[in-house]
Amino acid sequence: MTQFADFQRGLLPMLLLAELHHEPGHGYSLSLRLAERGFDRVKGAHLYPVLARLESDGYCTPVWTEGDGGPGRKVYHLTTSGEERLAELRHSWKLLVPLTNKLIADDR
């Protein structure tokens, strides 16, 4: 676990939407992709409830695909609403980061 695991859990909806913006994926592949970008590998107990919430909110839709010799997988695709939500979250993030940096600066 890295020093920012707690932050990552809070940011997980935005991170998943950003990953789905680049390419659809199933839960395990999304976890691997985040790990490749330097984040902790997200455990299923955190990942799947967030994906279910994104799906119920209409931000992504699952498509069942056949597995390679195993069970099928739910591959999540970003919806138009998901693109809009990601844009909102990106905007909020761009405002939040400088404010947070100012607040926690050592020289204030």
PDB file of N, CA and C in Angstrom:
ATOM      1  N   MET A   1       0.843  -1.174   0.000  1.00  0.00           N
ATOM      2  CA  MET A   1       0.000   0.000   0.000  1.00  0.00           C
ATOM      3  C   MET A   1       0.890   1.239   0.000  1.00  0.00           C
ATOM      4  N   THR A   2       0.598   2.182  -0.867  1.00  0.00           N
ATOM      5  CA  THR A   2       1.400   3.403  -0.933  1.00  0.00           C
ATOM      6  C   THR A   2       0.886   4.416   0.073  1.00  0.00           C
ATOM      7  N   GLN A   3       1.609   5.515   0.183  1.00  0.00           N
ATOM      8  CA  GLN A   3       1.216   6.541   1.134  1.00  0.00           C
ATOM      9  C   GLN A   3      -0.055   7.275   0.721  1.00  0.00           C
ATOM     10  N   PHE A   4      -0.517   7.103  -0.509  1.00  0.00           N
ATOM     11  CA  PHE A   4      -1.729   7.810  -0.919  1.00  0.00           C
ATOM     12  C   PHE A   4      -2.901   6.880  -1.207  1.00  0.00           C
ATOM     13  N   ALA A   5      -2.907   5.711  -0.580  1.00  0.00           N
ATOM     14  CA  ALA A   5      -3.986   4.746  -0.800  1.00  0.00           C
ATOM     15  C   ALA A   5      -5.343   5.318  -0.389  1.00  0.00           C
ATOM     16  N   ASP A   6      -5.389   6.057   0.726  1.00  0.00           N
ATOM     17  CA  ASP A   6      -6.661   6.643   1.154  1.00  0.00           C
ATOM     18  C   ASP A   6      -7.169   7.661   0.139  1.00  0.00           C
ATOM     19  N   PHE A   7      -6.262   8.455  -0.411  1.00  0.00           N
ATOM     20  CA  PHE A   7      -6.660   9.411  -1.441  1.00  0.00           C
ATOM     21  C   PHE A   7      -7.178   8.678  -2.674  1.00  0.00           C
ATOM     22  N   GLN A   8      -6.487   7.614  -3.035  1.00  0.00           N
ATOM     23  CA  GLN A   8      -6.856   6.852  -4.230  1.00  0.00           C
ATOM     24  C   GLN A   8      -8.283   6.330  -4.121  1.00  0.00           C
ATOM     25  N   ARG A   9      -8.659   5.838  -2.941  1.00  0.00           N
ATOM     26  CA  ARG A   9     -10.021   5.323  -2.776  1.00  0.00           C
ATOM     27  C   ARG A   9     -11.039   6.426  -3.020  1.00  0.00           C
ATOM     28  N   GLY A  10     -10.762   7.624  -2.525  1.00  0.00           N
ATOM     29  CA  GLY A  10     -11.672   8.743  -2.732  1.00  0.00           C
ATOM     30  C   GLY A  10     -11.737   9.199  -4.178  1.00  0.00           C
ATOM     31  N   LEU A  11     -10.630   9.041  -4.881  1.00  0.00           N
ATOM     32  CA  LEU A  11     -10.550   9.471  -6.282  1.00  0.00           C
ATOM     33  C   LEU A  11     -10.964   8.383  -7.265  1.00  0.00           C
ATOM     34  N   LEU A  12     -11.249   7.194  -6.760  1.00  0.00           N
ATOM     35  CA  LEU A  12     -11.479   6.050  -7.637  1.00  0.00           C
ATOM     36  C   LEU A  12     -12.555   6.282  -8.697  1.00  0.00           C
ATOM     37  N   PRO A  13     -13.694   6.898  -8.389  1.00  0.00           N
ATOM     38  CA  PRO A  13     -14.665   7.133  -9.463  1.00  0.00           C
ATOM     39  C   PRO A  13     -14.079   7.948 -10.620  1.00  0.00           C
ATOM     40  N   MET A  14     -13.352   9.021 -10.296  1.00  0.00           N
ATOM     41  CA  MET A  14     -12.755   9.845 -11.346  1.00  0.00           C
ATOM     42  C   MET A  14     -11.681   9.067 -12.103  1.00  0.00           C
ATOM     43  N   LEU A  15     -10.865   8.304 -11.386  1.00  0.00           N
ATOM     44  CA  LEU A  15      -9.805   7.530 -12.035  1.00  0.00           C
ATOM     45  C   LEU A  15     -10.387   6.488 -12.984  1.00  0.00           C
ATOM     46  N   LEU A  16     -11.458   5.818 -12.562  1.00  0.00           N
ATOM     47  CA  LEU A  16     -12.079   4.811 -13.426  1.00  0.00           C
ATOM     48  C   LEU A  16     -12.714   5.450 -14.653  1.00  0.00           C
ATOM     49  N   LEU A  17     -13.390   6.577 -14.465  1.00  0.00           N
ATOM     50  CA  LEU A  17     -13.969   7.265 -15.624  1.00  0.00           C
ATOM     51  C   LEU A  17     -12.868   7.687 -16.596  1.00  0.00           C
ATOM     52  N   ALA A  18     -11.748   8.165 -16.063  1.00  0.00           N
ATOM     53  CA  ALA A  18     -10.636   8.575 -16.930  1.00  0.00           C
ATOM     54  C   ALA A  18     -10.082   7.381 -17.697  1.00  0.00           C
ATOM     55  N   GLU A  19      -9.936   6.242 -17.033  1.00  0.00           N
ATOM     56  CA  GLU A  19      -9.450   5.046 -17.727  1.00  0.00           C
ATOM     57  C   GLU A  19     -10.446   4.591 -18.790  1.00  0.00           C
ATOM     58  N   LEU A  20     -11.733   4.624 -18.465  1.00  0.00           N
ATOM     59  CA  LEU A  20     -12.747   4.210 -19.441  1.00  0.00           C
ATOM     60  C   LEU A  20     -12.827   5.184 -20.611  1.00  0.00           C
ATOM     61  N   HIS A  21     -12.463   6.435 -20.367  1.00  0.00           N
ATOM     62  CA  HIS A  21     -12.412   7.421 -21.454  1.00  0.00           C
ATOM     63  C   HIS A  21     -11.376   6.994 -22.499  1.00  0.00           C
ATOM     64  N   HIS A  22     -10.273   6.429 -22.032  1.00  0.00           N
ATOM     65  CA  HIS A  22      -9.211   5.995 -22.941  1.00  0.00           C
ATOM     66  C   HIS A  22      -9.541   4.682 -23.630  1.00  0.00           C
ATOM     67  N   GLU A  23     -10.166   3.765 -22.876  1.00  0.00           N
ATOM     68  CA  GLU A  23     -10.448   2.445 -23.445  1.00  0.00           C
ATOM     69  C   GLU A  23     -11.402   1.692 -22.519  1.00  0.00           C
ATOM     70  N   PRO A  24     -12.411   1.020 -23.080  1.00  0.00           N
ATOM     71  CA  PRO A  24     -13.282   0.189 -22.244  1.00  0.00           C
ATOM     72  C   PRO A  24     -12.462  -0.892 -21.540  1.00  0.00           C
ATOM     73  N   GLY A  25     -12.997  -1.423 -20.466  1.00  0.00           N
ATOM     74  CA  GLY A  25     -12.278  -2.480 -19.764  1.00  0.00           C
ATOM     75  C   GLY A  25     -13.137  -3.177 -18.734  1.00  0.00           C
ATOM     76  N   HIS A  26     -12.713  -4.371 -18.363  1.00  0.00           N
ATOM     77  CA  HIS A  26     -13.375  -5.086 -17.271  1.00  0.00           C
ATOM     78  C   HIS A  26     -12.657  -4.724 -15.977  1.00  0.00           C
ATOM     79  N   GLY A  27     -13.267  -5.070 -14.859  1.00  0.00           N
ATOM     80  CA  GLY A  27     -12.753  -4.641 -13.565  1.00  0.00           C
ATOM     81  C   GLY A  27     -11.286  -4.942 -13.343  1.00  0.00           C
ATOM     82  N   TYR A  28     -10.902  -6.181 -13.576  1.00  0.00           N
ATOM     83  CA  TYR A  28      -9.514  -6.576 -13.325  1.00  0.00           C
ATOM     84  C   TYR A  28      -8.552  -5.786 -14.215  1.00  0.00           C
ATOM     85  N   SER A  29      -8.906  -5.604 -15.481  1.00  0.00           N
ATOM     86  CA  SER A  29      -8.015  -4.855 -16.380  1.00  0.00           C
ATOM     87  C   SER A  29      -7.913  -3.391 -15.956  1.00  0.00           C
ATOM     88  N   LEU A  30      -9.006  -2.831 -15.450  1.00  0.00           N
ATOM     89  CA  LEU A  30      -8.960  -1.447 -14.981  1.00  0.00           C
ATOM     90  C   LEU A  30      -8.022  -1.323 -13.779  1.00  0.00           C
ATOM     91  N   SER A  31      -8.080  -2.295 -12.884  1.00  0.00           N
ATOM     92  CA  SER A  31      -7.179  -2.301 -11.736  1.00  0.00           C
ATOM     93  C   SER A  31      -5.723  -2.386 -12.188  1.00  0.00           C
ATOM     94  N   LEU A  32      -5.448  -3.254 -13.149  1.00  0.00           N
ATOM     95  CA  LEU A  32      -4.081  -3.384 -13.676  1.00  0.00           C
ATOM     96  C   LEU A  32      -3.620  -2.098 -14.349  1.00  0.00           C
ATOM     97  N   ARG A  33      -4.499  -1.474 -15.113  1.00  0.00           N
ATOM     98  CA  ARG A  33      -4.134  -0.240 -15.812  1.00  0.00           C
ATOM     99  C   ARG A  33      -3.796   0.873 -14.825  1.00  0.00           C
ATOM    100  N   LEU A  34      -4.563   0.965 -13.736  1.00  0.00           N
ATOM    101  CA  LEU A  34      -4.239   1.962 -12.715  1.00  0.00           C
ATOM    102  C   LEU A  34      -2.887   1.661 -12.077  1.00  0.00           C
ATOM    103  N   ALA A  35      -2.618   0.382 -11.830  1.00  0.00           N
ATOM    104  CA  ALA A  35      -1.328  -0.011 -11.247  1.00  0.00           C
ATOM    105  C   ALA A  35      -0.180   0.338 -12.194  1.00  0.00           C
ATOM    106  N   GLU A  36      -0.392   0.162 -13.489  1.00  0.00           N
ATOM    107  CA  GLU A  36       0.642   0.512 -14.472  1.00  0.00           C
ATOM    108  C   GLU A  36       0.936   2.005 -14.463  1.00  0.00           C
ATOM    109  N   ARG A  37      -0.018   2.803 -14.035  1.00  0.00           N
ATOM    110  CA  ARG A  37       0.158   4.255 -13.978  1.00  0.00           C
ATOM    111  C   ARG A  37       0.706   4.719 -12.629  1.00  0.00           C
ATOM    112  N   GLY A  38       1.010   3.760 -11.738  1.00  0.00           N
ATOM    113  CA  GLY A  38       1.634   4.106 -10.474  1.00  0.00           C
ATOM    114  C   GLY A  38       0.724   4.060  -9.259  1.00  0.00           C
ATOM    115  N   PHE A  39      -0.541   3.762  -9.457  1.00  0.00           N
ATOM    116  CA  PHE A  39      -1.461   3.664  -8.334  1.00  0.00           C
ATOM    117  C   PHE A  39      -1.396   2.268  -7.733  1.00  0.00           C
ATOM    118  N   ASP A  40      -1.935   2.142  -6.524  1.00  0.00           N
ATOM    119  CA  ASP A  40      -2.064   0.815  -5.933  1.00  0.00           C
ATOM    120  C   ASP A  40      -3.043   0.000  -6.765  1.00  0.00           C
ATOM    121  N   ARG A  41      -2.838  -1.298  -6.790  1.00  0.00           N
ATOM    122  CA  ARG A  41      -3.796  -2.176  -7.445  1.00  0.00           C
ATOM    123  C   ARG A  41      -5.057  -2.163  -6.593  1.00  0.00           C
ATOM    124  N   VAL A  42      -6.183  -1.876  -7.205  1.00  0.00           N
ATOM    125  CA  VAL A  42      -7.440  -1.737  -6.481  1.00  0.00           C
ATOM    126  C   VAL A  42      -8.024  -3.120  -6.231  1.00  0.00           C
ATOM    127  N   LYS A  43      -8.366  -3.379  -4.989  1.00  0.00           N
ATOM    128  CA  LYS A  43      -8.967  -4.658  -4.637  1.00  0.00           C
ATOM    129  C   LYS A  43     -10.428  -4.676  -5.070  1.00  0.00           C
ATOM    130  N   GLY A  44     -10.905  -5.870  -5.381  1.00  0.00           N
ATOM    131  CA  GLY A  44     -12.285  -6.038  -5.823  1.00  0.00           C
ATOM    132  C   GLY A  44     -13.305  -5.478  -4.855  1.00  0.00           C
ATOM    133  N   ALA A  45     -13.020  -5.563  -3.555  1.00  0.00           N
ATOM    134  CA  ALA A  45     -13.952  -5.060  -2.547  1.00  0.00           C
ATOM    135  C   ALA A  45     -14.169  -3.555  -2.665  1.00  0.00           C
ATOM    136  N   HIS A  46     -13.219  -2.835  -3.235  1.00  0.00           N
ATOM    137  CA  HIS A  46     -13.364  -1.396  -3.464  1.00  0.00           C
ATOM    138  C   HIS A  46     -13.799  -1.120  -4.899  1.00  0.00           C
ATOM    139  N   LEU A  47     -13.252  -1.872  -5.820  1.00  0.00           N
ATOM    140  CA  LEU A  47     -13.455  -1.618  -7.243  1.00  0.00           C
ATOM    141  C   LEU A  47     -14.890  -1.868  -7.699  1.00  0.00           C
ATOM    142  N   TYR A  48     -15.412  -3.042  -7.409  1.00  0.00           N
ATOM    143  CA  TYR A  48     -16.703  -3.424  -7.980  1.00  0.00           C
ATOM    144  C   TYR A  48     -17.883  -2.619  -7.444  1.00  0.00           C
ATOM    145  N   PRO A  49     -17.900  -2.222  -6.170  1.00  0.00           N
ATOM    146  CA  PRO A  49     -18.979  -1.327  -5.743  1.00  0.00           C
ATOM    147  C   PRO A  49     -18.944   0.032  -6.453  1.00  0.00           C
ATOM    148  N   VAL A  50     -17.741   0.543  -6.717  1.00  0.00           N
ATOM    149  CA  VAL A  50     -17.636   1.826  -7.429  1.00  0.00           C
ATOM    150  C   VAL A  50     -18.101   1.658  -8.870  1.00  0.00           C
ATOM    151  N   LEU A  51     -17.693   0.576  -9.527  1.00  0.00           N
ATOM    152  CA  LEU A  51     -18.163   0.326 -10.893  1.00  0.00           C
ATOM    153  C   LEU A  51     -19.681   0.170 -10.926  1.00  0.00           C
ATOM    154  N   ALA A  52     -20.245  -0.519  -9.936  1.00  0.00           N
ATOM    155  CA  ALA A  52     -21.703  -0.689  -9.874  1.00  0.00           C
ATOM    156  C   ALA A  52     -22.395   0.660  -9.709  1.00  0.00           C
ATOM    157  N   ARG A  53     -21.811   1.540  -8.895  1.00  0.00           N
ATOM    158  CA  ARG A  53     -22.402   2.865  -8.710  1.00  0.00           C
ATOM    159  C   ARG A  53     -22.291   3.701  -9.985  1.00  0.00           C
ATOM    160  N   LEU A  54     -21.145   3.637 -10.650  1.00  0.00           N
ATOM    161  CA  LEU A  54     -20.993   4.362 -11.918  1.00  0.00           C
ATOM    162  C   LEU A  54     -22.001   3.855 -12.943  1.00  0.00           C
ATOM    163  N   GLU A  55     -22.223   2.549 -12.941  1.00  0.00           N
ATOM    164  CA  GLU A  55     -23.205   1.960 -13.858  1.00  0.00           C
ATOM    165  C   GLU A  55     -24.618   2.422 -13.498  1.00  0.00           C
ATOM    166  N   SER A  56     -24.981   2.363 -12.214  1.00  0.00           N
ATOM    167  CA  SER A  56     -26.339   2.758 -11.817  1.00  0.00           C
ATOM    168  C   SER A  56     -26.581   4.251 -12.027  1.00  0.00           C
ATOM    169  N   ASP A  57     -25.525   5.046 -11.966  1.00  0.00           N
ATOM    170  CA  ASP A  57     -25.643   6.484 -12.233  1.00  0.00           C
ATOM    171  C   ASP A  57     -25.690   6.793 -13.728  1.00  0.00           C
ATOM    172  N   GLY A  58     -25.495   5.775 -14.557  1.00  0.00           N
ATOM    173  CA  GLY A  58     -25.560   5.966 -16.005  1.00  0.00           C
ATOM    174  C   GLY A  58     -24.269   6.447 -16.633  1.00  0.00           C
ATOM    175  N   TYR A  59     -23.152   6.378 -15.896  1.00  0.00           N
ATOM    176  CA  TYR A  59     -21.881   6.869 -16.414  1.00  0.00           C
ATOM    177  C   TYR A  59     -21.117   5.835 -17.232  1.00  0.00           C
ATOM    178  N   CYS A  60     -21.476   4.572 -17.075  1.00  0.00           N
ATOM    179  CA  CYS A  60     -20.876   3.523 -17.887  1.00  0.00           C
ATOM    180  C   CYS A  60     -21.903   2.415 -18.086  1.00  0.00           C
ATOM    181  N   THR A  61     -21.707   1.667 -19.142  1.00  0.00           N
ATOM    182  CA  THR A  61     -22.589   0.531 -19.411  1.00  0.00           C
ATOM    183  C   THR A  61     -21.729  -0.708 -19.604  1.00  0.00           C
ATOM    184  N   PRO A  62     -22.184  -1.826 -19.045  1.00  0.00           N
ATOM    185  CA  PRO A  62     -21.429  -3.062 -19.217  1.00  0.00           C
ATOM    186  C   PRO A  62     -21.892  -3.823 -20.452  1.00  0.00           C
ATOM    187  N   VAL A  63     -20.959  -4.469 -21.089  1.00  0.00           N
ATOM    188  CA  VAL A  63     -21.258  -5.377 -22.200  1.00  0.00           C
ATOM    189  C   VAL A  63     -20.610  -6.704 -21.833  1.00  0.00           C
ATOM    190  N   TRP A  64     -21.405  -7.759 -21.785  1.00  0.00           N
ATOM    191  CA  TRP A  64     -20.858  -9.077 -21.463  1.00  0.00           C
ATOM    192  C   TRP A  64     -20.114  -9.620 -22.665  1.00  0.00           C
ATOM    193  N   THR A  65     -18.895 -10.065 -22.447  1.00  0.00           N
ATOM    194  CA  THR A  65     -18.103 -10.685 -23.508  1.00  0.00           C
ATOM    195  C   THR A  65     -17.710 -12.083 -23.061  1.00  0.00           C
ATOM    196  N   GLU A  66     -17.486 -12.947 -24.019  1.00  0.00           N
ATOM    197  CA  GLU A  66     -17.065 -14.307 -23.701  1.00  0.00           C
ATOM    198  C   GLU A  66     -15.647 -14.279 -23.161  1.00  0.00           C
ATOM    199  N   GLY A  67     -15.415 -15.123 -22.159  1.00  0.00           N
ATOM    200  CA  GLY A  67     -14.079 -15.221 -21.590  1.00  0.00           C
ATOM    201  C   GLY A  67     -13.192 -16.103 -22.441  1.00  0.00           C
ATOM    202  N   ASP A  68     -11.904 -15.952 -22.296  1.00  0.00           N
ATOM    203  CA  ASP A  68     -10.936 -16.794 -23.003  1.00  0.00           C
ATOM    204  C   ASP A  68     -10.786 -18.106 -22.239  1.00  0.00           C
ATOM    205  N   GLY A  69     -11.678 -19.033 -22.507  1.00  0.00           N
ATOM    206  CA  GLY A  69     -11.628 -20.323 -21.831  1.00  0.00           C
ATOM    207  C   GLY A  69     -12.182 -20.291 -20.421  1.00  0.00           C
ATOM    208  N   GLY A  70     -12.682 -19.169 -19.984  1.00  0.00           N
ATOM    209  CA  GLY A  70     -13.243 -19.038 -18.644  1.00  0.00           C
ATOM    210  C   GLY A  70     -14.597 -18.358 -18.715  1.00  0.00           C
ATOM    211  N   PRO A  71     -15.049 -17.875 -17.591  1.00  0.00           N
ATOM    212  CA  PRO A  71     -16.353 -17.209 -17.587  1.00  0.00           C
ATOM    213  C   PRO A  71     -16.312 -15.894 -18.364  1.00  0.00           C
ATOM    214  N   GLY A  72     -17.481 -15.442 -18.768  1.00  0.00           N
ATOM    215  CA  GLY A  72     -17.571 -14.160 -19.461  1.00  0.00           C
ATOM    216  C   GLY A  72     -17.179 -13.012 -18.545  1.00  0.00           C
ATOM    217  N   ARG A  73     -16.975 -11.865 -19.145  1.00  0.00           N
ATOM    218  CA  ARG A  73     -16.581 -10.674 -18.388  1.00  0.00           C
ATOM    219  C   ARG A  73     -17.487  -9.517 -18.752  1.00  0.00           C
ATOM    220  N   LYS A  74     -17.685  -8.659 -17.761  1.00  0.00           N
ATOM    221  CA  LYS A  74     -18.399  -7.411 -17.973  1.00  0.00           C
ATOM    222  C   LYS A  74     -17.367  -6.384 -18.411  1.00  0.00           C
ATOM    223  N   VAL A  75     -17.456  -5.925 -19.633  1.00  0.00           N
ATOM    224  CA  VAL A  75     -16.556  -4.879 -20.117  1.00  0.00           C
ATOM    225  C   VAL A  75     -17.326  -3.564 -20.055  1.00  0.00           C
ATOM    226  N   TYR A  76     -16.788  -2.620 -19.320  1.00  0.00           N
ATOM    227  CA  TYR A  76     -17.457  -1.339 -19.106  1.00  0.00           C
ATOM    228  C   TYR A  76     -17.065  -0.349 -20.196  1.00  0.00           C
ATOM    229  N   HIS A  77     -18.079   0.375 -20.677  1.00  0.00           N
ATOM    230  CA  HIS A  77     -17.904   1.405 -21.701  1.00  0.00           C
ATOM    231  C   HIS A  77     -18.430   2.720 -21.136  1.00  0.00           C
ATOM    232  N   LEU A  78     -17.712   3.791 -21.365  1.00  0.00           N
ATOM    233  CA  LEU A  78     -18.129   5.108 -20.906  1.00  0.00           C
ATOM    234  C   LEU A  78     -19.310   5.591 -21.739  1.00  0.00           C
ATOM    235  N   THR A  79     -20.311   6.156 -21.086  1.00  0.00           N
ATOM    236  CA  THR A  79     -21.469   6.719 -21.782  1.00  0.00           C
ATOM    237  C   THR A  79     -21.250   8.216 -22.000  1.00  0.00           C
ATOM    238  N   THR A  80     -22.159   8.829 -22.717  1.00  0.00           N
ATOM    239  CA  THR A  80     -22.106  10.283 -22.898  1.00  0.00           C
ATOM    240  C   THR A  80     -22.211  10.978 -21.545  1.00  0.00           C
ATOM    241  N   SER A  81     -23.091  10.475 -20.682  1.00  0.00           N
ATOM    242  CA  SER A  81     -23.198  11.038 -19.326  1.00  0.00           C
ATOM    243  C   SER A  81     -21.892  10.864 -18.561  1.00  0.00           C
ATOM    244  N   GLY A  82     -21.221   9.743 -18.781  1.00  0.00           N
ATOM    245  CA  GLY A  82     -19.933   9.507 -18.143  1.00  0.00           C
ATOM    246  C   GLY A  82     -18.873  10.486 -18.619  1.00  0.00           C
ATOM    247  N   GLU A  83     -18.889  10.782 -19.913  1.00  0.00           N
ATOM    248  CA  GLU A  83     -17.953  11.783 -20.460  1.00  0.00           C
ATOM    249  C   GLU A  83     -18.211  13.144 -19.824  1.00  0.00           C
ATOM    250  N   GLU A  84     -19.498  13.487 -19.690  1.00  0.00           N
ATOM    251  CA  GLU A  84     -19.853  14.769 -19.088  1.00  0.00           C
ATOM    252  C   GLU A  84     -19.436  14.816 -17.623  1.00  0.00           C
ATOM    253  N   ARG A  85     -19.667  13.720 -16.912  1.00  0.00           N
ATOM    254  CA  ARG A  85     -19.285  13.666 -15.495  1.00  0.00           C
ATOM    255  C   ARG A  85     -17.768  13.764 -15.343  1.00  0.00           C
ATOM    256  N   LEU A  86     -17.036  13.088 -16.208  1.00  0.00           N
ATOM    257  CA  LEU A  86     -15.577  13.169 -16.167  1.00  0.00           C
ATOM    258  C   LEU A  86     -15.115  14.602 -16.399  1.00  0.00           C
ATOM    259  N   ALA A  87     -15.730  15.302 -17.332  1.00  0.00           N
ATOM    260  CA  ALA A  87     -15.370  16.702 -17.584  1.00  0.00           C
ATOM    261  C   ALA A  87     -15.619  17.551 -16.336  1.00  0.00           C
ATOM    262  N   GLU A  88     -16.743  17.312 -15.649  1.00  0.00           N
ATOM    263  CA  GLU A  88     -17.037  18.042 -14.409  1.00  0.00           C
ATOM    264  C   GLU A  88     -15.987  17.745 -13.340  1.00  0.00           C
ATOM    265  N   LEU A  89     -15.653  16.475 -13.185  1.00  0.00           N
ATOM    266  CA  LEU A  89     -14.670  16.088 -12.175  1.00  0.00           C
ATOM    267  C   LEU A  89     -13.290  16.649 -12.492  1.00  0.00           C
ATOM    268  N   ARG A  90     -12.923  16.653 -13.765  1.00  0.00           N
ATOM    269  CA  ARG A  90     -11.631  17.239 -14.158  1.00  0.00           C
ATOM    270  C   ARG A  90     -11.592  18.722 -13.823  1.00  0.00           C
ATOM    271  N   HIS A  91     -12.685  19.418 -14.099  1.00  0.00           N
ATOM    272  CA  HIS A  91     -12.763  20.850 -13.803  1.00  0.00           C
ATOM    273  C   HIS A  91     -12.632  21.082 -12.292  1.00  0.00           C
ATOM    274  N   SER A  92     -13.371  20.316 -11.509  1.00  0.00           N
ATOM    275  CA  SER A  92     -13.300  20.446 -10.051  1.00  0.00           C
ATOM    276  C   SER A  92     -11.896  20.157  -9.544  1.00  0.00           C
ATOM    277  N   TRP A  93     -11.271  19.132 -10.106  1.00  0.00           N
ATOM    278  CA  TRP A  93      -9.911  18.757  -9.692  1.00  0.00           C
ATOM    279  C   TRP A  93      -8.936  19.898  -9.970  1.00  0.00           C
ATOM    280  N   LYS A  94      -9.066  20.519 -11.136  1.00  0.00           N
ATOM    281  CA  LYS A  94      -8.161  21.614 -11.499  1.00  0.00           C
ATOM    282  C   LYS A  94      -8.323  22.810 -10.566  1.00  0.00           C
ATOM    283  N   LEU A  95      -9.519  22.992 -10.015  1.00  0.00           N
ATOM    284  CA  LEU A  95      -9.738  24.059  -9.041  1.00  0.00           C
ATOM    285  C   LEU A  95      -9.259  23.652  -7.648  1.00  0.00           C
ATOM    286  N   LEU A  96      -9.460  22.403  -7.298  1.00  0.00           N
ATOM    287  CA  LEU A  96      -9.154  21.917  -5.958  1.00  0.00           C
ATOM    288  C   LEU A  96      -7.655  21.824  -5.677  1.00  0.00           C
ATOM    289  N   VAL A  97      -6.895  21.377  -6.648  1.00  0.00           N
ATOM    290  CA  VAL A  97      -5.462  21.153  -6.413  1.00  0.00           C
ATOM    291  C   VAL A  97      -4.733  22.438  -6.014  1.00  0.00           C
ATOM    292  N   PRO A  98      -4.880  23.548  -6.745  1.00  0.00           N
ATOM    293  CA  PRO A  98      -4.171  24.764  -6.321  1.00  0.00           C
ATOM    294  C   PRO A  98      -4.640  25.273  -4.954  1.00  0.00           C
ATOM    295  N   LEU A  99      -5.934  25.152  -4.675  1.00  0.00           N
ATOM    296  CA  LEU A  99      -6.430  25.584  -3.369  1.00  0.00           C
ATOM    297  C   LEU A  99      -5.825  24.743  -2.251  1.00  0.00           C
ATOM    298  N   THR A 100      -5.763  23.448  -2.468  1.00  0.00           N
ATOM    299  CA  THR A 100      -5.177  22.549  -1.475  1.00  0.00           C
ATOM    300  C   THR A 100      -3.695  22.840  -1.305  1.00  0.00           C
ATOM    301  N   ASN A 101      -3.000  23.040  -2.407  1.00  0.00           N
ATOM    302  CA  ASN A 101      -1.565  23.350  -2.333  1.00  0.00           C
ATOM    303  C   ASN A 101      -1.317  24.627  -1.536  1.00  0.00           C
ATOM    304  N   LYS A 102      -2.170  25.629  -1.734  1.00  0.00           N
ATOM    305  CA  LYS A 102      -2.031  26.874  -0.978  1.00  0.00           C
ATOM    306  C   LYS A 102      -2.258  26.635   0.510  1.00  0.00           C
ATOM    307  N   LEU A 103      -3.258  25.844   0.806  1.00  0.00           N
ATOM    308  CA  LEU A 103      -3.618  25.603   2.202  1.00  0.00           C
ATOM    309  C   LEU A 103      -2.531  24.845   2.954  1.00  0.00           C
ATOM    310  N   ILE A 104      -1.917  23.892   2.310  1.00  0.00           N
ATOM    311  CA  ILE A 104      -0.934  23.056   3.008  1.00  0.00           C
ATOM    312  C   ILE A 104       0.506  23.520   2.819  1.00  0.00           C
ATOM    313  N   ALA A 105       0.714  24.617   2.109  1.00  0.00           N
ATOM    314  CA  ALA A 105       2.073  25.113   1.852  1.00  0.00           C
ATOM    315  C   ALA A 105       2.795  25.400   3.162  1.00  0.00           C
ATOM    316  N   ASP A 106       4.057  25.049   3.194  1.00  0.00           N
ATOM    317  CA  ASP A 106       4.882  25.276   4.387  1.00  0.00           C
ATOM    318  C   ASP A 106       5.123  26.760   4.653  1.00  0.00           C
ATOM    319  N   ASP A 107       5.105  27.570   3.614  1.00  0.00           N
ATOM    320  CA  ASP A 107       5.504  28.972   3.751  1.00  0.00           C
ATOM    321  C   ASP A 107       4.326  29.928   3.930  1.00  0.00           C
ATOM    322  N   ARG A 108       3.185  29.442   4.293  1.00  0.00           N
ATOM    323  CA  ARG A 108       2.052  30.369   4.405  1.00  0.00           C
ATOM    324  C   ARG A 108       2.004  31.054   5.728  1.00  0.00           C
TER     325      ARG A 108
END
